[in-house]
Amino acid sequence: MSVTPSTTSLWTCGSYIQVVYHAIFHVNSGPNGGTIVFSYTINNGRSQTMEKLTILPGQHLSDFTFTWQGSLPADHFYPEPGGIMVTSPNTLVSKLVAPAGYCR
């Protein structure tokens, strides 16, 4: 998991910002390919959105990008940590990532 921007300290509180979360899946697809079933969160795990990625035969990497956008509040509540929770074919919970720092 990675996040862009890596810090919000360059923005003034109240500024509009888009945060991009990026997950890379390392897969061993085999001759038939398959499907990765997972959910992602942009609010520290309080809710999730389900997704699926189709893996082609011979594919070794797949990526997924999701975003949060809005104004940076002075209380530094947003943007919150984001991550993924894989449910199939295996179970995996990624680390949660968020930009470091605080708006000014």
C-alpha atoms as a PDB file:
ATOM      1  CA  MET A   1       0.000   0.000   0.000  1.00  0.00           C
ATOM      2  CA  SER A   2       1.099   3.516  -0.737  1.00  0.00           C
ATOM      3  CA  VAL A   3      -0.527   6.929  -0.612  1.00  0.00           C
ATOM      4  CA  THR A   4      -0.048  10.162  -2.550  1.00  0.00           C
ATOM      5  CA  PRO A   5       0.551  12.814  -1.382  1.00  0.00           C
ATOM      6  CA  SER A   6       2.790  11.460   1.354  1.00  0.00           C
ATOM      7  CA  THR A   7       2.145  14.501   3.569  1.00  0.00           C
ATOM      8  CA  THR A   8      -0.576  17.129   3.998  1.00  0.00           C
ATOM      9  CA  SER A   9       1.763  19.639   5.667  1.00  0.00           C
ATOM     10  CA  LEU A  10       2.125  21.536   2.375  1.00  0.00           C
ATOM     11  CA  TRP A  11      -1.591  22.439   2.271  1.00  0.00           C
ATOM     12  CA  THR A  12      -3.506  25.114   4.123  1.00  0.00           C
ATOM     13  CA  CYS A  13      -6.358  23.813   6.279  1.00  0.00           C
ATOM     14  CA  GLY A  14      -9.603  24.133   4.326  1.00  0.00           C
ATOM     15  CA  SER A  15      -7.860  23.438   0.994  1.00  0.00           C
ATOM     16  CA  TYR A  16      -9.376  20.896  -1.375  1.00  0.00           C
ATOM     17  CA  ILE A  17      -7.158  17.830  -1.842  1.00  0.00           C
ATOM     18  CA  GLN A  18      -7.319  14.462  -3.566  1.00  0.00           C
ATOM     19  CA  VAL A  19      -5.577  11.542  -1.859  1.00  0.00           C
ATOM     20  CA  VAL A  20      -4.735   8.482  -3.967  1.00  0.00           C
ATOM     21  CA  TYR A  21      -4.338   5.089  -2.296  1.00  0.00           C
ATOM     22  CA  HIS A  22      -2.531   2.441  -4.361  1.00  0.00           C
ATOM     23  CA  ALA A  23      -2.474  -1.313  -3.713  1.00  0.00           C
ATOM     24  CA  ILE A  24      -0.280  -3.780  -5.602  1.00  0.00           C
ATOM     25  CA  PHE A  25      -1.265  -7.455  -5.567  1.00  0.00           C
ATOM     26  CA  HIS A  26       1.471 -10.049  -6.137  1.00  0.00           C
ATOM     27  CA  VAL A  27      -0.195 -13.126  -7.614  1.00  0.00           C
ATOM     28  CA  ASN A  28       0.615 -16.576  -8.955  1.00  0.00           C
ATOM     29  CA  SER A  29      -2.233 -16.947 -11.427  1.00  0.00           C
ATOM     30  CA  GLY A  30      -1.411 -20.319 -12.925  1.00  0.00           C
ATOM     31  CA  PRO A  31      -2.669 -21.421 -16.350  1.00  0.00           C
ATOM     32  CA  ASN A  32      -6.319 -20.456 -15.730  1.00  0.00           C
ATOM     33  CA  GLY A  33      -6.015 -17.050 -14.104  1.00  0.00           C
ATOM     34  CA  GLY A  34      -8.527 -16.211 -11.418  1.00  0.00           C
ATOM     35  CA  THR A  35     -10.219 -13.511  -9.386  1.00  0.00           C
ATOM     36  CA  ILE A  36      -9.128 -11.505  -6.354  1.00  0.00           C
ATOM     37  CA  VAL A  37     -12.081 -10.556  -4.145  1.00  0.00           C
ATOM     38  CA  PHE A  38     -11.401  -7.753  -1.681  1.00  0.00           C
ATOM     39  CA  SER A  39     -12.761  -4.648  -0.061  1.00  0.00           C
ATOM     40  CA  TYR A  40     -11.119  -1.298   0.493  1.00  0.00           C
ATOM     41  CA  THR A  41     -11.536   1.371   3.133  1.00  0.00           C
ATOM     42  CA  ILE A  42     -10.770   5.071   3.179  1.00  0.00           C
ATOM     43  CA  ASN A  43     -12.080   5.689   6.699  1.00  0.00           C
ATOM     44  CA  ASN A  44      -9.804   3.650   8.951  1.00  0.00           C
ATOM     45  CA  GLY A  45     -11.811   0.443   8.460  1.00  0.00           C
ATOM     46  CA  ARG A  46     -15.206   1.696   9.653  1.00  0.00           C
ATOM     47  CA  SER A  47     -16.755   0.821   6.295  1.00  0.00           C
ATOM     48  CA  GLN A  48     -15.610  -1.040   3.199  1.00  0.00           C
ATOM     49  CA  THR A  49     -16.421  -1.139  -0.506  1.00  0.00           C
ATOM     50  CA  MET A  50     -16.292  -4.552  -2.224  1.00  0.00           C
ATOM     51  CA  GLU A  51     -14.271  -5.021  -5.441  1.00  0.00           C
ATOM     52  CA  LYS A  52     -13.018  -7.793  -7.721  1.00  0.00           C
ATOM     53  CA  LEU A  53      -9.990  -7.964  -9.997  1.00  0.00           C
ATOM     54  CA  THR A  54      -9.709 -10.479 -12.816  1.00  0.00           C
ATOM     55  CA  ILE A  55      -6.277 -12.072 -13.022  1.00  0.00           C
ATOM     56  CA  LEU A  56      -5.175 -13.257 -16.456  1.00  0.00           C
ATOM     57  CA  PRO A  57      -3.257 -16.510 -17.007  1.00  0.00           C
ATOM     58  CA  GLY A  58       0.433 -15.906 -16.341  1.00  0.00           C
ATOM     59  CA  GLN A  59      -0.166 -12.534 -14.635  1.00  0.00           C
ATOM     60  CA  HIS A  60       2.090 -11.829 -11.634  1.00  0.00           C
ATOM     61  CA  LEU A  61       1.095  -8.294 -10.591  1.00  0.00           C
ATOM     62  CA  SER A  62      -2.174  -6.421 -10.465  1.00  0.00           C
ATOM     63  CA  ASP A  63      -2.869  -3.022  -9.016  1.00  0.00           C
ATOM     64  CA  PHE A  64      -5.867  -1.116  -7.733  1.00  0.00           C
ATOM     65  CA  THR A  65      -6.209   2.588  -7.027  1.00  0.00           C
ATOM     66  CA  PHE A  66      -8.872   4.338  -4.963  1.00  0.00           C
ATOM     67  CA  THR A  67      -9.246   7.949  -3.846  1.00  0.00           C
ATOM     68  CA  TRP A  68     -10.554  10.283  -1.181  1.00  0.00           C
ATOM     69  CA  GLN A  69     -11.178  13.916  -1.946  1.00  0.00           C
ATOM     70  CA  GLY A  70     -12.388  16.825   0.095  1.00  0.00           C
ATOM     71  CA  SER A  71     -11.341  19.797   2.194  1.00  0.00           C
ATOM     72  CA  LEU A  72      -8.656  19.391   4.826  1.00  0.00           C
ATOM     73  CA  PRO A  73     -10.322  20.214   8.159  1.00  0.00           C
ATOM     74  CA  ALA A  74      -8.432  22.124  10.833  1.00  0.00           C
ATOM     75  CA  ASP A  75      -9.064  19.278  13.322  1.00  0.00           C
ATOM     76  CA  HIS A  76      -6.927  17.003  11.067  1.00  0.00           C
ATOM     77  CA  PHE A  77      -9.621  14.315  10.989  1.00  0.00           C
ATOM     78  CA  TYR A  78      -9.313  13.719   7.214  1.00  0.00           C
ATOM     79  CA  PRO A  79      -7.848  12.147   5.175  1.00  0.00           C
ATOM     80  CA  GLU A  80      -8.131   8.938   7.131  1.00  0.00           C
ATOM     81  CA  PRO A  81      -6.057   5.764   6.747  1.00  0.00           C
ATOM     82  CA  GLY A  82      -6.957   3.534   3.806  1.00  0.00           C
ATOM     83  CA  GLY A  83      -6.200  -0.080   2.995  1.00  0.00           C
ATOM     84  CA  ILE A  84      -7.505  -3.349   1.573  1.00  0.00           C
ATOM     85  CA  MET A  85      -8.902  -6.581   3.005  1.00  0.00           C
ATOM     86  CA  VAL A  86      -8.607  -9.590   0.650  1.00  0.00           C
ATOM     87  CA  THR A  87     -11.182 -12.355   1.154  1.00  0.00           C
ATOM     88  CA  SER A  88     -10.437 -14.652  -1.809  1.00  0.00           C
ATOM     89  CA  PRO A  89      -8.486 -16.618  -2.896  1.00  0.00           C
ATOM     90  CA  ASN A  90      -6.618 -16.061   0.409  1.00  0.00           C
ATOM     91  CA  THR A  91      -7.228 -13.783   3.371  1.00  0.00           C
ATOM     92  CA  LEU A  92      -5.006 -10.746   3.776  1.00  0.00           C
ATOM     93  CA  VAL A  93      -5.358  -7.398   5.514  1.00  0.00           C
ATOM     94  CA  SER A  94      -2.988  -4.672   4.336  1.00  0.00           C
ATOM     95  CA  LYS A  95      -1.432  -2.060   6.510  1.00  0.00           C
ATOM     96  CA  LEU A  96      -3.449   1.163   6.601  1.00  0.00           C
ATOM     97  CA  VAL A  97      -1.762   4.190   5.044  1.00  0.00           C
ATOM     98  CA  ALA A  98      -2.487   7.912   5.201  1.00  0.00           C
ATOM     99  CA  PRO A  99      -0.551  11.077   4.438  1.00  0.00           C
ATOM    100  CA  ALA A 100       1.673  12.180   7.301  1.00  0.00           C
ATOM    101  CA  GLY A 101       1.659  15.659   8.785  1.00  0.00           C
ATOM    102  CA  TYR A 102      -1.022  18.237   9.353  1.00  0.00           C
ATOM    103  CA  CYS A 103      -2.408  21.030   7.240  1.00  0.00           C
ATOM    104  CA  ARG A 104      -1.313  24.511   8.284  1.00  0.00           C
END
